[in-house]
PDB file of N, CA and C in Angstrom:
ATOM      1  N   ARG A   1      -3.659  -6.000   9.655  1.00  0.00           N
ATOM      2  CA  ARG A   1      -2.916  -5.049  10.462  1.00  0.00           C
ATOM      3  C   ARG A   1      -1.410  -5.334  10.419  1.00  0.00           C
ATOM      4  N   ASP A   2      -1.048  -6.463   9.873  1.00  0.00           N
ATOM      5  CA  ASP A   2       0.368  -6.830   9.798  1.00  0.00           C
ATOM      6  C   ASP A   2       1.177  -5.909   8.890  1.00  0.00           C
ATOM      7  N   PHE A   3       0.514  -5.170   7.996  1.00  0.00           N
ATOM      8  CA  PHE A   3       1.225  -4.323   7.040  1.00  0.00           C
ATOM      9  C   PHE A   3       1.512  -2.911   7.550  1.00  0.00           C
ATOM     10  N   ILE A   4       1.056  -2.563   8.749  1.00  0.00           N
ATOM     11  CA  ILE A   4       1.366  -1.240   9.302  1.00  0.00           C
ATOM     12  C   ILE A   4       2.877  -1.139   9.481  1.00  0.00           C
ATOM     13  N   ASN A   5       3.428  -0.016   9.073  1.00  0.00           N
ATOM     14  CA  ASN A   5       4.869   0.272   9.081  1.00  0.00           C
ATOM     15  C   ASN A   5       5.639  -0.447   7.973  1.00  0.00           C
ATOM     16  N   TYR A   6       4.935  -1.048   7.030  1.00  0.00           N
ATOM     17  CA  TYR A   6       5.575  -1.556   5.821  1.00  0.00           C
ATOM     18  C   TYR A   6       5.705  -0.386   4.848  1.00  0.00           C
ATOM     19  N   TRP A   7       6.555  -0.563   3.847  1.00  0.00           N
ATOM     20  CA  TRP A   7       6.715   0.423   2.778  1.00  0.00           C
ATOM     21  C   TRP A   7       6.063  -0.116   1.528  1.00  0.00           C
ATOM     22  N   MET A   8       5.268   0.727   0.861  1.00  0.00           N
ATOM     23  CA  MET A   8       4.681   0.357  -0.423  1.00  0.00           C
ATOM     24  C   MET A   8       5.516   0.996  -1.520  1.00  0.00           C
ATOM     25  N   ILE A   9       6.004   0.163  -2.416  1.00  0.00           N
ATOM     26  CA  ILE A   9       6.858   0.626  -3.506  1.00  0.00           C
ATOM     27  C   ILE A   9       6.180   0.236  -4.814  1.00  0.00           C
ATOM     28  N   ASP A  10       5.770   1.250  -5.576  1.00  0.00           N
ATOM     29  CA  ASP A  10       5.059   1.011  -6.822  1.00  0.00           C
ATOM     30  C   ASP A  10       6.000   1.190  -8.008  1.00  0.00           C
ATOM     31  N   LYS A  11       5.804   0.396  -9.055  1.00  0.00           N
ATOM     32  CA  LYS A  11       6.656   0.466 -10.243  1.00  0.00           C
ATOM     33  C   LYS A  11       6.632   1.836 -10.901  1.00  0.00           C
ATOM     34  N   LYS A  12       5.484   2.514 -10.910  1.00  0.00           N
ATOM     35  CA  LYS A  12       5.341   3.786 -11.613  1.00  0.00           C
ATOM     36  C   LYS A  12       5.685   4.994 -10.749  1.00  0.00           C
ATOM     37  N   HIS A  13       5.619   4.858  -9.444  1.00  0.00           N
ATOM     38  CA  HIS A  13       5.831   5.986  -8.542  1.00  0.00           C
ATOM     39  C   HIS A  13       7.132   5.760  -7.780  1.00  0.00           C
ATOM     40  N   VAL A  14       8.049   6.672  -7.943  1.00  0.00           N
ATOM     41  CA  VAL A  14       9.415   6.491  -7.457  1.00  0.00           C
ATOM     42  C   VAL A  14       9.497   6.476  -5.928  1.00  0.00           C
ATOM     43  N   LYS A  15       8.783   7.367  -5.275  1.00  0.00           N
ATOM     44  CA  LYS A  15       8.930   7.516  -3.832  1.00  0.00           C
ATOM     45  C   LYS A  15       8.149   6.446  -3.064  1.00  0.00           C
ATOM     46  N   PRO A  16       8.832   5.657  -2.231  1.00  0.00           N
ATOM     47  CA  PRO A  16       8.117   4.695  -1.383  1.00  0.00           C
ATOM     48  C   PRO A  16       7.213   5.425  -0.389  1.00  0.00           C
ATOM     49  N   ARG A  17       6.104   4.817  -0.049  1.00  0.00           N
ATOM     50  CA  ARG A  17       5.152   5.389   0.900  1.00  0.00           C
ATOM     51  C   ARG A  17       4.960   4.421   2.061  1.00  0.00           C
ATOM     52  N   ALA A  18       4.884   4.965   3.268  1.00  0.00           N
ATOM     53  CA  ALA A  18       4.675   4.148   4.460  1.00  0.00           C
ATOM     54  C   ALA A  18       3.193   3.817   4.616  1.00  0.00           C
ATOM     55  N   ILE A  19       2.912   2.595   4.988  1.00  0.00           N
ATOM     56  CA  ILE A  19       1.547   2.192   5.302  1.00  0.00           C
ATOM     57  C   ILE A  19       1.307   2.559   6.761  1.00  0.00           C
ATOM     58  N   THR A  20       0.353   3.460   6.986  1.00  0.00           N
ATOM     59  CA  THR A  20       0.116   3.989   8.327  1.00  0.00           C
ATOM     60  C   THR A  20      -1.055   3.319   9.029  1.00  0.00           C
ATOM     61  N   GLY A  21      -1.870   2.595   8.289  1.00  0.00           N
ATOM     62  CA  GLY A  21      -3.014   1.932   8.897  1.00  0.00           C
ATOM     63  C   GLY A  21      -3.665   0.968   7.928  1.00  0.00           C
ATOM     64  N   VAL A  22      -4.573   0.178   8.457  1.00  0.00           N
ATOM     65  CA  VAL A  22      -5.323  -0.784   7.657  1.00  0.00           C
ATOM     66  C   VAL A  22      -6.790  -0.645   8.039  1.00  0.00           C
ATOM     67  N   ASP A  23      -7.633  -0.403   7.037  1.00  0.00           N
ATOM     68  CA  ASP A  23      -9.076  -0.302   7.269  1.00  0.00           C
ATOM     69  C   ASP A  23      -9.713  -1.611   6.831  1.00  0.00           C
ATOM     70  N   ASP A  24     -10.086  -2.417   7.807  1.00  0.00           N
ATOM     71  CA  ASP A  24     -10.710  -3.702   7.494  1.00  0.00           C
ATOM     72  C   ASP A  24     -12.168  -3.739   7.962  1.00  0.00           C
ATOM     73  N   SER A  25     -12.788  -2.571   7.988  1.00  0.00           N
ATOM     74  CA  SER A  25     -14.170  -2.475   8.455  1.00  0.00           C
ATOM     75  C   SER A  25     -15.187  -2.894   7.392  1.00  0.00           C
ATOM     76  N   THR A  26     -14.735  -3.060   6.156  1.00  0.00           N
ATOM     77  CA  THR A  26     -15.621  -3.500   5.087  1.00  0.00           C
ATOM     78  C   THR A  26     -15.048  -4.753   4.438  1.00  0.00           C
ATOM     79  N   LEU A  27     -15.767  -5.284   3.477  1.00  0.00           N
ATOM     80  CA  LEU A  27     -15.322  -6.487   2.769  1.00  0.00           C
ATOM     81  C   LEU A  27     -13.992  -6.254   2.059  1.00  0.00           C
ATOM     82  N   ASN A  28     -13.794  -5.040   1.507  1.00  0.00           N
ATOM     83  CA  ASN A  28     -12.552  -4.701   0.811  1.00  0.00           C
ATOM     84  C   ASN A  28     -11.584  -4.034   1.784  1.00  0.00           C
ATOM     85  N   VAL A  29     -10.510  -4.715   2.107  1.00  0.00           N
ATOM     86  CA  VAL A  29      -9.500  -4.173   3.014  1.00  0.00           C
ATOM     87  C   VAL A  29      -8.726  -3.083   2.284  1.00  0.00           C
ATOM     88  N   LEU A  30      -8.514  -1.947   2.968  1.00  0.00           N
ATOM     89  CA  LEU A  30      -7.797  -0.819   2.383  1.00  0.00           C
ATOM     90  C   LEU A  30      -6.542  -0.525   3.195  1.00  0.00           C
ATOM     91  N   LEU A  31      -5.444  -0.292   2.495  1.00  0.00           N
ATOM     92  CA  LEU A  31      -4.210   0.140   3.141  1.00  0.00           C
ATOM     93  C   LEU A  31      -4.200   1.657   3.165  1.00  0.00           C
ATOM     94  N   GLN A  32      -3.925   2.232   4.314  1.00  0.00           N
ATOM     95  CA  GLN A  32      -3.888   3.683   4.460  1.00  0.00           C
ATOM     96  C   GLN A  32      -2.452   4.146   4.289  1.00  0.00           C
ATOM     97  N   ILE A  33      -2.255   5.072   3.354  1.00  0.00           N
ATOM     98  CA  ILE A  33      -0.942   5.591   3.006  1.00  0.00           C
ATOM     99  C   ILE A  33      -0.951   7.096   3.221  1.00  0.00           C
ATOM    100  N   ASP A  34       0.113   7.625   3.807  1.00  0.00           N
ATOM    101  CA  ASP A  34       0.231   9.071   3.966  1.00  0.00           C
ATOM    102  C   ASP A  34       1.065   9.625   2.819  1.00  0.00           C
ATOM    103  N   ARG A  35       0.479  10.557   2.048  1.00  0.00           N
ATOM    104  CA  ARG A  35       1.208  11.213   0.965  1.00  0.00           C
ATOM    105  C   ARG A  35       1.192  12.715   1.250  1.00  0.00           C
ATOM    106  N   ASN A  36       2.252  13.161   1.908  1.00  0.00           N
ATOM    107  CA  ASN A  36       2.414  14.583   2.228  1.00  0.00           C
ATOM    108  C   ASN A  36       1.203  15.146   2.970  1.00  0.00           C
ATOM    109  N   GLY A  37       0.731  14.420   3.971  1.00  0.00           N
ATOM    110  CA  GLY A  37      -0.391  14.875   4.773  1.00  0.00           C
ATOM    111  C   GLY A  37      -1.756  14.494   4.235  1.00  0.00           C
ATOM    112  N   GLU A  38      -1.807  13.928   3.043  1.00  0.00           N
ATOM    113  CA  GLU A  38      -3.066  13.481   2.438  1.00  0.00           C
ATOM    114  C   GLU A  38      -3.153  11.964   2.570  1.00  0.00           C
ATOM    115  N   GLU A  39      -4.294  11.466   3.053  1.00  0.00           N
ATOM    116  CA  GLU A  39      -4.464  10.028   3.205  1.00  0.00           C
ATOM    117  C   GLU A  39      -4.925   9.408   1.897  1.00  0.00           C
ATOM    118  N   LEU A  40      -4.200   8.405   1.466  1.00  0.00           N
ATOM    119  CA  LEU A  40      -4.594   7.615   0.299  1.00  0.00           C
ATOM    120  C   LEU A  40      -5.089   6.266   0.792  1.00  0.00           C
ATOM    121  N   LEU A  41      -6.123   5.752   0.158  1.00  0.00           N
ATOM    122  CA  LEU A  41      -6.635   4.424   0.474  1.00  0.00           C
ATOM    123  C   LEU A  41      -6.397   3.522  -0.727  1.00  0.00           C
ATOM    124  N   ILE A  42      -5.593   2.500  -0.519  1.00  0.00           N
ATOM    125  CA  ILE A  42      -5.208   1.583  -1.583  1.00  0.00           C
ATOM    126  C   ILE A  42      -5.815   0.214  -1.284  1.00  0.00           C
ATOM    127  N   PRO A  43      -6.579  -0.357  -2.215  1.00  0.00           N
ATOM    128  CA  PRO A  43      -7.142  -1.686  -1.976  1.00  0.00           C
ATOM    129  C   PRO A  43      -6.036  -2.726  -1.783  1.00  0.00           C
ATOM    130  N   ALA A  44      -6.188  -3.555  -0.787  1.00  0.00           N
ATOM    131  CA  ALA A  44      -5.228  -4.634  -0.530  1.00  0.00           C
ATOM    132  C   ALA A  44      -5.627  -5.834  -1.386  1.00  0.00           C
ATOM    133  N   ALA A  45      -5.504  -5.672  -2.698  1.00  0.00           N
ATOM    134  CA  ALA A  45      -5.928  -6.692  -3.652  1.00  0.00           C
ATOM    135  C   ALA A  45      -4.709  -7.421  -4.205  1.00  0.00           C
ATOM    136  N   ASP A  46      -4.777  -8.734  -4.202  1.00  0.00           N
ATOM    137  CA  ASP A  46      -3.660  -9.555  -4.681  1.00  0.00           C
ATOM    138  C   ASP A  46      -3.208  -9.183  -6.083  1.00  0.00           C
ATOM    139  N   GLU A  47      -4.140  -8.762  -6.940  1.00  0.00           N
ATOM    140  CA  GLU A  47      -3.769  -8.459  -8.332  1.00  0.00           C
ATOM    141  C   GLU A  47      -2.892  -7.221  -8.458  1.00  0.00           C
ATOM    142  N   PHE A  48      -2.804  -6.398  -7.409  1.00  0.00           N
ATOM    143  CA  PHE A  48      -1.937  -5.217  -7.425  1.00  0.00           C
ATOM    144  C   PHE A  48      -0.556  -5.496  -6.833  1.00  0.00           C
ATOM    145  N   PHE A  49      -0.399  -6.618  -6.141  1.00  0.00           N
ATOM    146  CA  PHE A  49       0.852  -6.920  -5.445  1.00  0.00           C
ATOM    147  C   PHE A  49       1.750  -7.783  -6.323  1.00  0.00           C
ATOM    148  N   ASP A  50       3.003  -7.366  -6.447  1.00  0.00           N
ATOM    149  CA  ASP A  50       3.990  -8.179  -7.150  1.00  0.00           C
ATOM    150  C   ASP A  50       4.751  -9.066  -6.177  1.00  0.00           C
ATOM    151  N   LYS A  51       5.095  -8.478  -5.023  1.00  0.00           N
ATOM    152  CA  LYS A  51       5.908  -9.205  -4.053  1.00  0.00           C
ATOM    153  C   LYS A  51       5.716  -8.578  -2.674  1.00  0.00           C
ATOM    154  N   VAL A  52       5.666  -9.414  -1.656  1.00  0.00           N
ATOM    155  CA  VAL A  52       5.655  -8.943  -0.273  1.00  0.00           C
ATOM    156  C   VAL A  52       6.938  -9.455   0.370  1.00  0.00           C
ATOM    157  N   ASP A  53       7.796  -8.521   0.740  1.00  0.00           N
ATOM    158  CA  ASP A  53       9.089  -8.835   1.361  1.00  0.00           C
ATOM    159  C   ASP A  53       8.958  -8.605   2.863  1.00  0.00           C
ATOM    160  N   THR A  54       8.699  -9.675   3.602  1.00  0.00           N
ATOM    161  CA  THR A  54       8.484  -9.546   5.049  1.00  0.00           C
ATOM    162  C   THR A  54       9.772  -9.231   5.799  1.00  0.00           C
ATOM    163  N   ASP A  55      10.911  -9.649   5.275  1.00  0.00           N
ATOM    164  CA  ASP A  55      12.190  -9.368   5.942  1.00  0.00           C
ATOM    165  C   ASP A  55      12.488  -7.869   5.980  1.00  0.00           C
ATOM    166  N   ASN A  56      12.220  -7.175   4.866  1.00  0.00           N
ATOM    167  CA  ASN A  56      12.503  -5.741   4.760  1.00  0.00           C
ATOM    168  C   ASN A  56      11.259  -4.868   4.908  1.00  0.00           C
ATOM    169  N   LYS A  57      10.121  -5.500   5.179  1.00  0.00           N
ATOM    170  CA  LYS A  57       8.846  -4.798   5.357  1.00  0.00           C
ATOM    171  C   LYS A  57       8.505  -3.913   4.154  1.00  0.00           C
ATOM    172  N   CYS A  58       8.531  -4.528   2.969  1.00  0.00           N
ATOM    173  CA  CYS A  58       8.213  -3.823   1.725  1.00  0.00           C
ATOM    174  C   CYS A  58       7.159  -4.597   0.943  1.00  0.00           C
ATOM    175  N   ILE A  59       6.252  -3.852   0.335  1.00  0.00           N
ATOM    176  CA  ILE A  59       5.275  -4.428  -0.581  1.00  0.00           C
ATOM    177  C   ILE A  59       5.517  -3.777  -1.939  1.00  0.00           C
ATOM    178  N   TYR A  60       5.814  -4.590  -2.935  1.00  0.00           N
ATOM    179  CA  TYR A  60       6.045  -4.096  -4.292  1.00  0.00           C
ATOM    180  C   TYR A  60       4.761  -4.254  -5.082  1.00  0.00           C
ATOM    181  N   THR A  61       4.325  -3.150  -5.710  1.00  0.00           N
ATOM    182  CA  THR A  61       3.025  -3.125  -6.369  1.00  0.00           C
ATOM    183  C   THR A  61       3.116  -2.612  -7.802  1.00  0.00           C
ATOM    184  N   HIS A  62       2.034  -2.768  -8.510  1.00  0.00           N
ATOM    185  CA  HIS A  62       1.807  -2.148  -9.817  1.00  0.00           C
ATOM    186  C   HIS A  62       0.353  -1.658  -9.805  1.00  0.00           C
ATOM    187  N   LEU A  63       0.181  -0.448  -9.313  1.00  0.00           N
ATOM    188  CA  LEU A  63      -1.150   0.136  -9.138  1.00  0.00           C
ATOM    189  C   LEU A  63      -1.670   0.727 -10.439  1.00  0.00           C
ATOM    190  N   PRO A  64      -2.970   0.628 -10.681  1.00  0.00           N
ATOM    191  CA  PRO A  64      -3.530   1.196 -11.905  1.00  0.00           C
ATOM    192  C   PRO A  64      -3.435   2.722 -11.921  1.00  0.00           C
ATOM    193  N   ASP A  65      -3.375   3.296 -13.121  1.00  0.00           N
ATOM    194  CA  ASP A  65      -3.348   4.747 -13.267  1.00  0.00           C
ATOM    195  C   ASP A  65      -4.573   5.356 -12.589  1.00  0.00           C
ATOM    196  N   GLY A  66      -4.370   6.500 -11.949  1.00  0.00           N
ATOM    197  CA  GLY A  66      -5.462   7.198 -11.306  1.00  0.00           C
ATOM    198  C   GLY A  66      -5.710   6.812  -9.861  1.00  0.00           C
ATOM    199  N   LEU A  67      -5.108   5.733  -9.413  1.00  0.00           N
ATOM    200  CA  LEU A  67      -5.320   5.288  -8.034  1.00  0.00           C
ATOM    201  C   LEU A  67      -4.457   6.071  -7.052  1.00  0.00           C
ATOM    202  N   VAL A  68      -3.278   6.461  -7.502  1.00  0.00           N
ATOM    203  CA  VAL A  68      -2.362   7.207  -6.625  1.00  0.00           C
ATOM    204  C   VAL A  68      -2.352   8.663  -7.040  1.00  0.00           C
TER     205      VAL A  68
END
């Protein structure tokens, strides 16, 4: 839940997206992202994260094609 109100910034997608929620009801934790009214669920997997900047509340990622 610490990532709510963080910004997710992906190398391939120019526009940063706000993390609006965290779904930890299953083994795989999912970050909830709002994309123009559509909810995206992004796995909170270490292999997708390049850097977590806690000072600026940003997560830098490299998400696989088709996920966003």
